[in-house]
C-alpha atoms as a PDB file:
ATOM      1  CA  MET A   1      -0.126   0.038   0.060  1.00  0.00           C
ATOM      2  CA  ASP A   2       1.704   3.796  -0.779  1.00  0.00           C
ATOM      3  CA  LEU A   3       0.132   5.850   1.796  1.00  0.00           C
ATOM      4  CA  ARG A   4       0.977   9.032   1.248  1.00  0.00           C
ATOM      5  CA  PHE A   5      -0.872  12.774   2.974  1.00  0.00           C
ATOM      6  CA  LYS A   6      -0.836  14.855   0.141  1.00  0.00           C
ATOM      7  CA  ASN A   7      -1.679  17.342   2.868  1.00  0.00           C
ATOM      8  CA  LEU A   8      -2.247  18.165   6.282  1.00  0.00           C
ATOM      9  CA  ASN A   9      -3.563  20.837   9.314  1.00  0.00           C
ATOM     10  CA  PRO A  10      -0.451  21.842  10.928  1.00  0.00           C
ATOM     11  CA  GLU A  11      -2.756  22.349  14.499  1.00  0.00           C
ATOM     12  CA  THR A  12      -2.616  17.906  13.008  1.00  0.00           C
ATOM     13  CA  ASP A  13      -1.191  16.001  16.276  1.00  0.00           C
ATOM     14  CA  LYS A  14       3.184  16.559  17.053  1.00  0.00           C
ATOM     15  CA  THR A  15       3.452  12.392  16.948  1.00  0.00           C
ATOM     16  CA  GLU A  16       1.154  11.711  14.808  1.00  0.00           C
ATOM     17  CA  LEU A  17       3.092  13.661  12.068  1.00  0.00           C
ATOM     18  CA  GLU A  18       6.355  12.861  13.731  1.00  0.00           C
ATOM     19  CA  TYR A  19       4.755   9.225  12.438  1.00  0.00           C
ATOM     20  CA  ILE A  20       4.329   9.807   9.137  1.00  0.00           C
ATOM     21  CA  TYR A  21       7.412  11.456   8.378  1.00  0.00           C
ATOM     22  CA  SER A  22       8.702   8.665  10.589  1.00  0.00           C
ATOM     23  CA  GLN A  23       7.671   6.691   8.132  1.00  0.00           C
ATOM     24  CA  GLY A  24       7.339   8.871   5.005  1.00  0.00           C
ATOM     25  CA  TYR A  25       3.957   8.423   4.962  1.00  0.00           C
ATOM     26  CA  TYR A  26       3.679  12.873   3.027  1.00  0.00           C
ATOM     27  CA  GLN A  27       3.951  14.157  -0.888  1.00  0.00           C
ATOM     28  CA  ASP A  28       6.385  15.366  -1.247  1.00  0.00           C
ATOM     29  CA  ASN A  29       4.403  19.138  -2.378  1.00  0.00           C
ATOM     30  CA  LEU A  30       5.763  22.807   0.196  1.00  0.00           C
ATOM     31  CA  GLN A  31       2.273  22.447   2.211  1.00  0.00           C
ATOM     32  CA  MET A  32       3.580  19.085   3.464  1.00  0.00           C
ATOM     33  CA  LEU A  33       7.176  19.834   3.897  1.00  0.00           C
ATOM     34  CA  CYS A  34       6.442  22.308   5.486  1.00  0.00           C
ATOM     35  CA  VAL A  35       3.791  21.678   8.058  1.00  0.00           C
ATOM     36  CA  LEU A  36       6.480  18.003   8.572  1.00  0.00           C
ATOM     37  CA  LEU A  37       9.844  20.475   9.046  1.00  0.00           C
ATOM     38  CA  CYS A  38       7.745  23.317  11.258  1.00  0.00           C
ATOM     39  CA  LYS A  39       7.602  21.149  14.269  1.00  0.00           C
ATOM     40  CA  GLN A  40      11.389  19.997  14.370  1.00  0.00           C
ATOM     41  CA  ASP A  41      13.983  21.435  16.404  1.00  0.00           C
ATOM     42  CA  LYS A  42      15.941  22.577  13.565  1.00  0.00           C
ATOM     43  CA  TRP A  43      13.285  24.869  11.800  1.00  0.00           C
ATOM     44  CA  ASP A  44      13.697  27.975  10.459  1.00  0.00           C
ATOM     45  CA  GLU A  45      11.141  29.331   7.359  1.00  0.00           C
ATOM     46  CA  SER A  46      13.563  31.649   5.951  1.00  0.00           C
ATOM     47  CA  ALA A  47      16.108  29.378   5.336  1.00  0.00           C
ATOM     48  CA  PHE A  48      13.501  26.937   3.377  1.00  0.00           C
ATOM     49  CA  MET A  49      12.469  29.116   1.349  1.00  0.00           C
ATOM     50  CA  ALA A  50      15.445  30.277   0.175  1.00  0.00           C
ATOM     51  CA  ARG A  51      18.125  27.734   0.276  1.00  0.00           C
ATOM     52  CA  ASN A  52      15.432  25.433   0.157  1.00  0.00           C
ATOM     53  CA  TYR A  53      17.511  22.177  -1.023  1.00  0.00           C
ATOM     54  CA  ASP A  54      21.117  22.424   0.049  1.00  0.00           C
ATOM     55  CA  TYR A  55      18.735  23.189   3.483  1.00  0.00           C
ATOM     56  CA  ILE A  56      16.920  20.103   3.775  1.00  0.00           C
ATOM     57  CA  CYS A  57      19.870  17.506   2.914  1.00  0.00           C
ATOM     58  CA  ASP A  58      21.961  19.383   5.466  1.00  0.00           C
ATOM     59  CA  ASN A  59      20.540  19.994   8.522  1.00  0.00           C
ATOM     60  CA  PHE A  60      17.001  17.177   7.650  1.00  0.00           C
ATOM     61  CA  ASP A  61      18.968  13.404   6.675  1.00  0.00           C
ATOM     62  CA  LEU A  62      15.449  11.036   6.431  1.00  0.00           C
ATOM     63  CA  MET A  63      13.886  13.852   4.578  1.00  0.00           C
ATOM     64  CA  SER A  64      16.792  14.211   2.489  1.00  0.00           C
ATOM     65  CA  GLU A  65      16.690  10.717   2.606  1.00  0.00           C
ATOM     66  CA  HIS A  66      12.532  10.903   1.177  1.00  0.00           C
ATOM     67  CA  ILE A  67      12.805  13.350  -0.914  1.00  0.00           C
ATOM     68  CA  HIS A  68      16.078  11.437  -2.822  1.00  0.00           C
ATOM     69  CA  HIS A  69      13.623   8.704  -3.574  1.00  0.00           C
ATOM     70  CA  ASP A  70      11.738  10.239  -6.317  1.00  0.00           C
ATOM     71  CA  LEU A  71      13.421  12.830  -6.613  1.00  0.00           C
ATOM     72  CA  SER A  72      12.037  14.030  -9.920  1.00  0.00           C
ATOM     73  CA  GLU A  73       8.963  14.557  -7.773  1.00  0.00           C
ATOM     74  CA  TYR A  74      10.360  16.828  -5.709  1.00  0.00           C
ATOM     75  CA  ILE A  75      12.040  19.632  -7.978  1.00  0.00           C
ATOM     76  CA  ASP A  76       9.031  19.732 -10.044  1.00  0.00           C
ATOM     77  CA  ASN A  77       6.381  19.415  -6.203  1.00  0.00           C
ATOM     78  CA  VAL A  78       8.947  21.966  -4.596  1.00  0.00           C
ATOM     79  CA  PHE A  79      11.875  23.430  -5.667  1.00  0.00           C
ATOM     80  CA  LEU A  80      10.667  24.898  -8.839  1.00  0.00           C
ATOM     81  CA  ALA A  81       7.564  25.543  -6.656  1.00  0.00           C
ATOM     82  CA  LEU A  82       9.358  27.872  -4.993  1.00  0.00           C
ATOM     83  CA  ASP A  83       8.441  31.936  -5.587  1.00  0.00           C
ATOM     84  CA  SER A  84      12.040  32.861  -4.866  1.00  0.00           C
ATOM     85  CA  GLN A  85      15.338  32.511  -6.570  1.00  0.00           C
ATOM     86  CA  GLN A  86      17.235  29.505  -4.528  1.00  0.00           C
ATOM     87  CA  THR A  87      20.628  29.767  -3.106  1.00  0.00           C
ATOM     88  CA  ILE A  88      22.595  26.301  -3.448  1.00  0.00           C
ATOM     89  CA  THR A  89      25.965  25.020  -3.118  1.00  0.00           C
ATOM     90  CA  SER A  90      28.355  24.347  -6.050  1.00  0.00           C
ATOM     91  CA  GLU A  91      28.244  20.426  -4.506  1.00  0.00           C
ATOM     92  CA  HIS A  92      24.689  20.532  -4.541  1.00  0.00           C
ATOM     93  CA  LEU A  93      23.349  21.815  -7.889  1.00  0.00           C
ATOM     94  CA  ILE A  94      26.675  19.475  -9.818  1.00  0.00           C
ATOM     95  CA  LYS A  95      25.132  16.730  -7.853  1.00  0.00           C
ATOM     96  CA  LEU A  96      21.622  18.079  -9.254  1.00  0.00           C
ATOM     97  CA  LEU A  97      22.540  18.633 -12.788  1.00  0.00           C
ATOM     98  CA  ASN A  98      24.637  15.089 -13.000  1.00  0.00           C
ATOM     99  CA  ASN A  99      21.435  13.104 -12.038  1.00  0.00           C
ATOM    100  CA  GLU A 100      20.149   9.824 -14.072  1.00  0.00           C
ATOM    101  CA  ASP A 101      16.561  10.761 -12.923  1.00  0.00           C
ATOM    102  CA  LEU A 102      16.219  13.837 -13.986  1.00  0.00           C
ATOM    103  CA  SER A 103      14.651  14.839 -17.296  1.00  0.00           C
ATOM    104  CA  HIS A 104      16.889  17.366 -19.420  1.00  0.00           C
ATOM    105  CA  GLU A 105      13.961  20.293 -19.059  1.00  0.00           C
ATOM    106  CA  GLN A 106      14.053  19.744 -15.680  1.00  0.00           C
ATOM    107  CA  LYS A 107      18.146  20.640 -15.477  1.00  0.00           C
ATOM    108  CA  LYS A 108      17.550  23.612 -17.439  1.00  0.00           C
ATOM    109  CA  ARG A 109      14.489  24.861 -15.221  1.00  0.00           C
ATOM    110  CA  ILE A 110      17.311  23.966 -11.325  1.00  0.00           C
ATOM    111  CA  THR A 111      20.507  25.973 -13.148  1.00  0.00           C
ATOM    112  CA  GLN A 112      17.560  28.972 -14.622  1.00  0.00           C
ATOM    113  CA  LYS A 113      16.516  28.612 -10.730  1.00  0.00           C
ATOM    114  CA  SER A 114      19.434  28.877  -9.064  1.00  0.00           C
ATOM    115  CA  GLU A 115      21.319  31.311  -8.040  1.00  0.00           C
ATOM    116  CA  CYS A 116      24.596  29.398  -8.027  1.00  0.00           C
ATOM    117  CA  GLU A 117      28.241  29.521  -9.133  1.00  0.00           C
ATOM    118  CA  ILE A 118      29.316  26.608 -10.765  1.00  0.00           C
ATOM    119  CA  GLU A 119      33.511  26.603  -9.863  1.00  0.00           C
ATOM    120  CA  HIS A 120      34.161  23.988 -12.168  1.00  0.00           C
ATOM    121  CA  ILE A 121      31.781  24.268 -15.090  1.00  0.00           C
ATOM    122  CA  SER A 122      33.713  20.431 -16.442  1.00  0.00           C
ATOM    123  CA  ASP A 123      32.376  18.772 -13.431  1.00  0.00           C
ATOM    124  CA  VAL A 124      28.883  18.780 -15.793  1.00  0.00           C
ATOM    125  CA  SER A 125      28.649  15.742 -17.293  1.00  0.00           C
ATOM    126  CA  ASP A 126      25.869  17.206 -19.688  1.00  0.00           C
ATOM    127  CA  ALA A 127      27.158  19.543 -22.963  1.00  0.00           C
ATOM    128  CA  SER A 128      24.095  21.839 -23.617  1.00  0.00           C
ATOM    129  CA  LEU A 129      23.714  22.457 -19.560  1.00  0.00           C
ATOM    130  CA  ARG A 130      27.642  23.276 -19.420  1.00  0.00           C
ATOM    131  CA  ASN A 131      26.645  25.162 -22.261  1.00  0.00           C
ATOM    132  CA  ASP A 132      23.537  27.045 -20.535  1.00  0.00           C
ATOM    133  CA  LEU A 133      25.753  27.717 -16.749  1.00  0.00           C
ATOM    134  CA  CYS A 134      27.867  29.850 -18.910  1.00  0.00           C
ATOM    135  CA  GLN A 135      25.585  30.974 -20.849  1.00  0.00           C
ATOM    136  CA  GLN A 136      23.800  32.375 -17.898  1.00  0.00           C
ATOM    137  CA  ASN A 137      26.861  33.667 -16.013  1.00  0.00           C
ATOM    138  CA  LYS A 138      26.909  30.667 -13.129  1.00  0.00           C
ATOM    139  CA  MET A 139      30.814  29.836 -13.812  1.00  0.00           C
ATOM    140  CA  THR A 140      33.298  30.712 -12.441  1.00  0.00           C
ATOM    141  CA  ALA A 141      35.806  33.505 -13.742  1.00  0.00           C
ATOM    142  CA  THR A 142      38.668  31.127 -13.699  1.00  0.00           C
ATOM    143  CA  TRP A 143      40.649  29.991 -17.609  1.00  0.00           C
ATOM    144  CA  GLU A 144      40.037  26.412 -16.549  1.00  0.00           C
ATOM    145  CA  ASN A 145      36.732  27.165 -17.021  1.00  0.00           C
ATOM    146  CA  VAL A 146      37.029  29.292 -20.255  1.00  0.00           C
ATOM    147  CA  SER A 147      39.311  25.977 -21.441  1.00  0.00           C
ATOM    148  CA  ALA A 148      36.932  23.843 -20.603  1.00  0.00           C
ATOM    149  CA  MET A 149      33.885  26.044 -22.337  1.00  0.00           C
ATOM    150  CA  MET A 150      36.327  25.810 -26.124  1.00  0.00           C
ATOM    151  CA  THR A 151      35.191  22.805 -28.205  1.00  0.00           C
ATOM    152  CA  ASP A 152      34.202  23.018 -32.113  1.00  0.00           C
ATOM    153  CA  ASP A 153      30.043  23.037 -31.062  1.00  0.00           C
ATOM    154  CA  GLU A 154      29.057  26.052 -31.363  1.00  0.00           C
ATOM    155  CA  ASP A 155      26.293  26.636 -28.803  1.00  0.00           C
ATOM    156  CA  ALA A 156      30.085  26.275 -26.463  1.00  0.00           C
ATOM    157  CA  LYS A 157      31.477  29.274 -28.716  1.00  0.00           C
ATOM    158  CA  LYS A 158      28.147  31.110 -28.566  1.00  0.00           C
ATOM    159  CA  ALA A 159      28.258  31.120 -24.872  1.00  0.00           C
ATOM    160  CA  LEU A 160      31.585  31.198 -24.528  1.00  0.00           C
ATOM    161  CA  VAL A 161      31.372  35.065 -26.777  1.00  0.00           C
ATOM    162  CA  LYS A 162      28.488  35.753 -24.083  1.00  0.00           C
ATOM    163  CA  TYR A 163      30.295  35.380 -21.036  1.00  0.00           C
ATOM    164  CA  ILE A 164      33.449  37.168 -21.741  1.00  0.00           C
ATOM    165  CA  SER A 165      31.421  40.110 -22.747  1.00  0.00           C
ATOM    166  CA  VAL A 166      30.143  40.005 -19.017  1.00  0.00           C
ATOM    167  CA  ALA A 167      33.370  43.361 -17.926  1.00  0.00           C
ATOM    168  CA  GLU A 168      33.289  41.386 -14.749  1.00  0.00           C
ATOM    169  CA  ASN A 169      34.540  38.165 -16.192  1.00  0.00           C
ATOM    170  CA  VAL A 170      36.835  39.578 -18.062  1.00  0.00           C
ATOM    171  CA  GLN A 171      38.353  42.061 -14.871  1.00  0.00           C
ATOM    172  CA  GLN A 172      39.016  38.525 -13.137  1.00  0.00           C
ATOM    173  CA  LEU A 173      40.642  36.374 -16.510  1.00  0.00           C
ATOM    174  CA  ILE A 174      43.257  38.205 -16.682  1.00  0.00           C
ATOM    175  CA  LYS A 175      43.205  39.638 -12.393  1.00  0.00           C
ATOM    176  CA  GLU A 176      44.021  35.415 -12.504  1.00  0.00           C
ATOM    177  CA  ALA A 177      46.005  35.762 -15.769  1.00  0.00           C
ATOM    178  CA  GLU A 178      48.584  38.534 -13.767  1.00  0.00           C
ATOM    179  CA  GLN A 179      49.007  36.281 -11.054  1.00  0.00           C
END
């Protein structure tokens, strides 16, 4: 039997909520995650709303395990449903972008929703996602990253031209070259 609550009243008895949480009897949606986590000692609503994926992974092992069981559901119903851009660590973003359980479209939407700069663009396995990140100015300005983007692919070339057209990126690359 696949018992999963989709909506619970926040006033539900704490013991009942703990049972539902510990057994994983809940759907990954924004309302359910808020109701279940707001009763936890580490609850911080502003962190939950601003850096949801990092916040869950770093503070709630049981929920992290649960959302990774059906990561696609979490991405669609929570991460992408949040109103604000999401702050996420480079490590977590790379993990999501390299996850085979997520569709290419979900990954593209994750890059658009995320506030993060990838330190090593070559850590992202999909070339078109690397192009998107470069074009969105979401990779650290290093010669290593520029070199990784230099391929025969026309889309990569276009992304790199746009990237090095940003004055701050050029300044950072010059600074690195002078060291």
